[in-house]
N, C-alpha and C. Protein backbone atom coordinates (compact mmCIF):
# COMPACT_ATOMS: atom_id res chain seq x y z
N ASP A 1 96.46 66.75 2.53
CA ASP A 1 97.54 65.96 1.99
C ASP A 1 98.42 65.35 3.08
N TYR A 2 98.23 65.74 4.34
CA TYR A 2 99.07 65.27 5.42
C TYR A 2 98.21 64.63 6.50
N THR A 3 98.80 63.70 7.21
CA THR A 3 98.08 63.06 8.31
C THR A 3 98.02 64.02 9.50
N ALA A 4 97.12 63.73 10.41
CA ALA A 4 97.00 64.55 11.62
C ALA A 4 98.31 64.52 12.42
N LYS A 5 98.98 63.38 12.42
CA LYS A 5 100.25 63.25 13.14
C LYS A 5 101.33 64.14 12.50
N GLU A 6 101.39 64.19 11.18
CA GLU A 6 102.36 65.04 10.50
C GLU A 6 102.09 66.52 10.78
N ILE A 7 100.83 66.89 10.72
CA ILE A 7 100.47 68.29 10.98
C ILE A 7 100.84 68.67 12.41
N GLU A 8 100.53 67.84 13.35
CA GLU A 8 100.87 68.12 14.76
C GLU A 8 102.37 68.24 14.95
N ALA A 9 103.15 67.41 14.26
CA ALA A 9 104.61 67.48 14.38
C ALA A 9 105.13 68.83 13.88
N TRP A 10 104.52 69.37 12.85
CA TRP A 10 104.96 70.67 12.31
C TRP A 10 104.45 71.82 13.17
N ILE A 11 103.23 71.71 13.67
CA ILE A 11 102.65 72.80 14.46
C ILE A 11 103.28 72.84 15.84
N GLY A 12 103.35 71.69 16.50
CA GLY A 12 103.94 71.62 17.82
C GLY A 12 103.44 72.72 18.73
N ASP A 13 104.38 73.48 19.30
CA ASP A 13 104.01 74.55 20.24
C ASP A 13 104.00 75.92 19.57
N ARG A 14 103.93 75.95 18.25
CA ARG A 14 103.92 77.24 17.55
C ARG A 14 102.66 78.02 17.88
N SER A 15 102.84 79.30 18.02
CA SER A 15 101.72 80.19 18.32
C SER A 15 102.03 81.56 17.72
N PRO A 16 101.05 82.44 17.65
CA PRO A 16 101.34 83.79 17.16
C PRO A 16 102.47 84.46 17.95
N GLU A 17 102.54 84.20 19.24
CA GLU A 17 103.60 84.78 20.06
C GLU A 17 104.98 84.30 19.61
N ASN A 18 105.08 83.04 19.23
CA ASN A 18 106.36 82.51 18.74
C ASN A 18 106.80 83.24 17.48
N TYR A 19 105.85 83.50 16.58
CA TYR A 19 106.18 84.20 15.34
C TYR A 19 106.53 85.66 15.61
N ARG A 20 105.81 86.31 16.54
CA ARG A 20 106.15 87.69 16.91
C ARG A 20 107.57 87.76 17.46
N TYR A 21 107.90 86.82 18.33
CA TYR A 21 109.25 86.79 18.90
C TYR A 21 110.29 86.62 17.80
N ALA A 22 110.06 85.68 16.90
CA ALA A 22 111.02 85.43 15.81
C ALA A 22 111.23 86.68 14.96
N MET A 23 110.16 87.42 14.72
CA MET A 23 110.28 88.62 13.90
C MET A 23 110.91 89.77 14.68
N GLN A 24 110.42 90.03 15.89
CA GLN A 24 110.87 91.18 16.66
C GLN A 24 112.25 91.00 17.28
N GLU A 25 112.51 89.84 17.80
CA GLU A 25 113.75 89.62 18.54
C GLU A 25 114.87 88.99 17.71
N MET A 26 114.49 88.17 16.73
CA MET A 26 115.51 87.48 15.93
C MET A 26 115.68 88.08 14.55
N GLY A 27 114.73 88.90 14.11
CA GLY A 27 114.83 89.52 12.80
C GLY A 27 114.33 88.67 11.66
N GLU A 28 113.58 87.61 11.96
CA GLU A 28 113.03 86.78 10.89
C GLU A 28 111.97 87.57 10.13
N LEU A 29 111.99 87.46 8.81
CA LEU A 29 111.02 88.14 7.97
C LEU A 29 110.00 87.13 7.46
N LEU A 30 108.74 87.49 7.51
CA LEU A 30 107.67 86.64 7.01
C LEU A 30 107.03 87.29 5.80
N PHE A 31 106.78 86.50 4.78
CA PHE A 31 106.13 86.93 3.56
C PHE A 31 104.83 86.15 3.45
N VAL A 32 103.73 86.84 3.25
CA VAL A 32 102.43 86.19 3.22
C VAL A 32 101.76 86.45 1.88
N ALA A 33 101.28 85.39 1.26
CA ALA A 33 100.53 85.51 0.01
C ALA A 33 99.05 85.47 0.37
N GLU A 34 98.32 86.50 -0.07
CA GLU A 34 96.91 86.60 0.26
C GLU A 34 96.08 86.80 -1.00
N LYS A 35 94.85 86.36 -0.92
CA LYS A 35 93.86 86.64 -1.96
C LYS A 35 92.62 87.10 -1.20
N GLY A 36 92.35 88.39 -1.27
CA GLY A 36 91.30 88.94 -0.41
C GLY A 36 91.73 88.77 1.03
N GLU A 37 90.90 88.13 1.82
CA GLU A 37 91.23 87.89 3.23
C GLU A 37 91.75 86.47 3.47
N GLU A 38 91.93 85.71 2.42
CA GLU A 38 92.38 84.32 2.53
C GLU A 38 93.90 84.25 2.41
N ILE A 39 94.53 83.53 3.32
CA ILE A 39 95.98 83.32 3.26
C ILE A 39 96.23 82.10 2.38
N LEU A 40 97.02 82.30 1.33
CA LEU A 40 97.34 81.23 0.39
C LEU A 40 98.60 80.48 0.80
N GLY A 41 99.51 81.18 1.47
CA GLY A 41 100.75 80.57 1.88
C GLY A 41 101.65 81.60 2.52
N PHE A 42 102.79 81.14 3.02
CA PHE A 42 103.77 82.06 3.57
C PHE A 42 105.16 81.48 3.44
N ALA A 43 106.13 82.37 3.56
CA ALA A 43 107.54 81.98 3.54
C ALA A 43 108.26 82.81 4.58
N SER A 44 109.40 82.33 5.04
CA SER A 44 110.16 83.11 6.01
C SER A 44 111.64 83.07 5.69
N LEU A 45 112.30 84.14 6.10
CA LEU A 45 113.73 84.32 5.86
C LEU A 45 114.38 84.78 7.15
N LEU A 46 115.45 84.13 7.55
CA LEU A 46 116.25 84.55 8.69
C LEU A 46 117.67 84.69 8.21
N GLU A 47 118.15 85.94 8.24
CA GLU A 47 119.44 86.29 7.66
C GLU A 47 119.44 85.89 6.18
N ASN A 48 120.20 84.91 5.79
CA ASN A 48 120.18 84.50 4.38
C ASN A 48 119.69 83.06 4.21
N GLU A 49 118.91 82.59 5.16
CA GLU A 49 118.39 81.23 5.12
C GLU A 49 116.87 81.23 4.96
N VAL A 50 116.39 80.54 3.95
CA VAL A 50 114.96 80.35 3.80
C VAL A 50 114.55 79.35 4.88
N ARG A 51 113.68 79.80 5.77
CA ARG A 51 113.29 78.97 6.90
C ARG A 51 112.03 78.15 6.63
N ALA A 52 111.18 78.68 5.75
CA ALA A 52 109.92 77.97 5.50
C ALA A 52 109.29 78.46 4.21
N VAL A 53 108.59 77.58 3.55
CA VAL A 53 107.68 77.92 2.45
C VAL A 53 106.51 76.95 2.58
N TYR A 54 105.36 77.50 2.90
CA TYR A 54 104.17 76.67 3.06
C TYR A 54 103.06 77.23 2.19
N LEU A 55 102.31 76.35 1.55
CA LEU A 55 101.17 76.74 0.73
C LEU A 55 99.94 75.97 1.17
N HIS A 56 98.80 76.64 1.07
CA HIS A 56 97.55 75.93 1.27
C HIS A 56 97.44 74.91 0.13
N PRO A 57 97.00 73.70 0.41
CA PRO A 57 96.94 72.68 -0.64
C PRO A 57 96.11 73.09 -1.86
N ASN A 58 95.15 73.97 -1.69
CA ASN A 58 94.34 74.40 -2.83
C ASN A 58 95.07 75.35 -3.76
N TYR A 59 96.26 75.81 -3.35
CA TYR A 59 96.97 76.80 -4.16
C TYR A 59 98.33 76.32 -4.65
N THR A 60 98.54 75.04 -4.67
CA THR A 60 99.78 74.51 -5.25
C THR A 60 99.68 74.55 -6.77
N ARG A 61 100.80 74.60 -7.43
CA ARG A 61 100.88 74.59 -8.90
C ARG A 61 100.13 75.77 -9.54
N ARG A 62 100.12 76.89 -8.82
CA ARG A 62 99.47 78.09 -9.36
C ARG A 62 100.41 79.29 -9.36
N GLY A 63 101.69 79.05 -9.05
CA GLY A 63 102.67 80.13 -9.06
C GLY A 63 102.83 80.85 -7.74
N VAL A 64 102.02 80.52 -6.74
CA VAL A 64 102.09 81.20 -5.45
C VAL A 64 103.42 80.91 -4.76
N GLY A 65 103.83 79.66 -4.76
CA GLY A 65 105.11 79.30 -4.14
C GLY A 65 106.27 79.99 -4.82
N SER A 66 106.23 80.08 -6.13
CA SER A 66 107.30 80.77 -6.87
C SER A 66 107.35 82.24 -6.50
N LEU A 67 106.19 82.87 -6.37
CA LEU A 67 106.17 84.28 -5.97
C LEU A 67 106.76 84.48 -4.58
N LEU A 68 106.43 83.58 -3.67
CA LEU A 68 106.97 83.68 -2.31
C LEU A 68 108.48 83.49 -2.30
N VAL A 69 108.95 82.48 -3.01
CA VAL A 69 110.41 82.22 -3.07
C VAL A 69 111.12 83.39 -3.73
N ASP A 70 110.56 83.94 -4.79
CA ASP A 70 111.17 85.10 -5.44
C ASP A 70 111.29 86.27 -4.48
N ALA A 71 110.24 86.53 -3.70
CA ALA A 71 110.27 87.64 -2.74
C ALA A 71 111.35 87.41 -1.69
N VAL A 72 111.45 86.18 -1.21
CA VAL A 72 112.45 85.84 -0.19
C VAL A 72 113.86 86.00 -0.78
N GLU A 73 114.07 85.51 -1.98
CA GLU A 73 115.40 85.62 -2.61
C GLU A 73 115.79 87.07 -2.84
N LYS A 74 114.85 87.89 -3.30
CA LYS A 74 115.17 89.32 -3.53
C LYS A 74 115.56 90.00 -2.22
N GLU A 75 114.86 89.67 -1.16
CA GLU A 75 115.19 90.27 0.14
C GLU A 75 116.56 89.78 0.63
N ALA A 76 116.86 88.51 0.42
CA ALA A 76 118.16 87.96 0.86
C ALA A 76 119.29 88.63 0.10
N VAL A 77 119.12 88.87 -1.18
CA VAL A 77 120.15 89.53 -2.00
C VAL A 77 120.33 90.98 -1.57
N ALA A 78 119.19 91.64 -1.26
CA ALA A 78 119.26 93.05 -0.86
C ALA A 78 119.96 93.18 0.48
């Protein structure tokens, strides 16, 4: 659904190390929706701010995004 240029703009210099740092050093929480070994999407929360909600294009309009947002909101309230 996105051009290569759009994808590159979002990915940029992101790497697993960047996500580890965000979680370990900054306290960002990541929520991952999986089906078997397939990742359907993820969301992240830093303090009380939703930082991201991304879904694989094959899993839109199936309730996955709502489940991720619900999990993030419950954690923010807690």
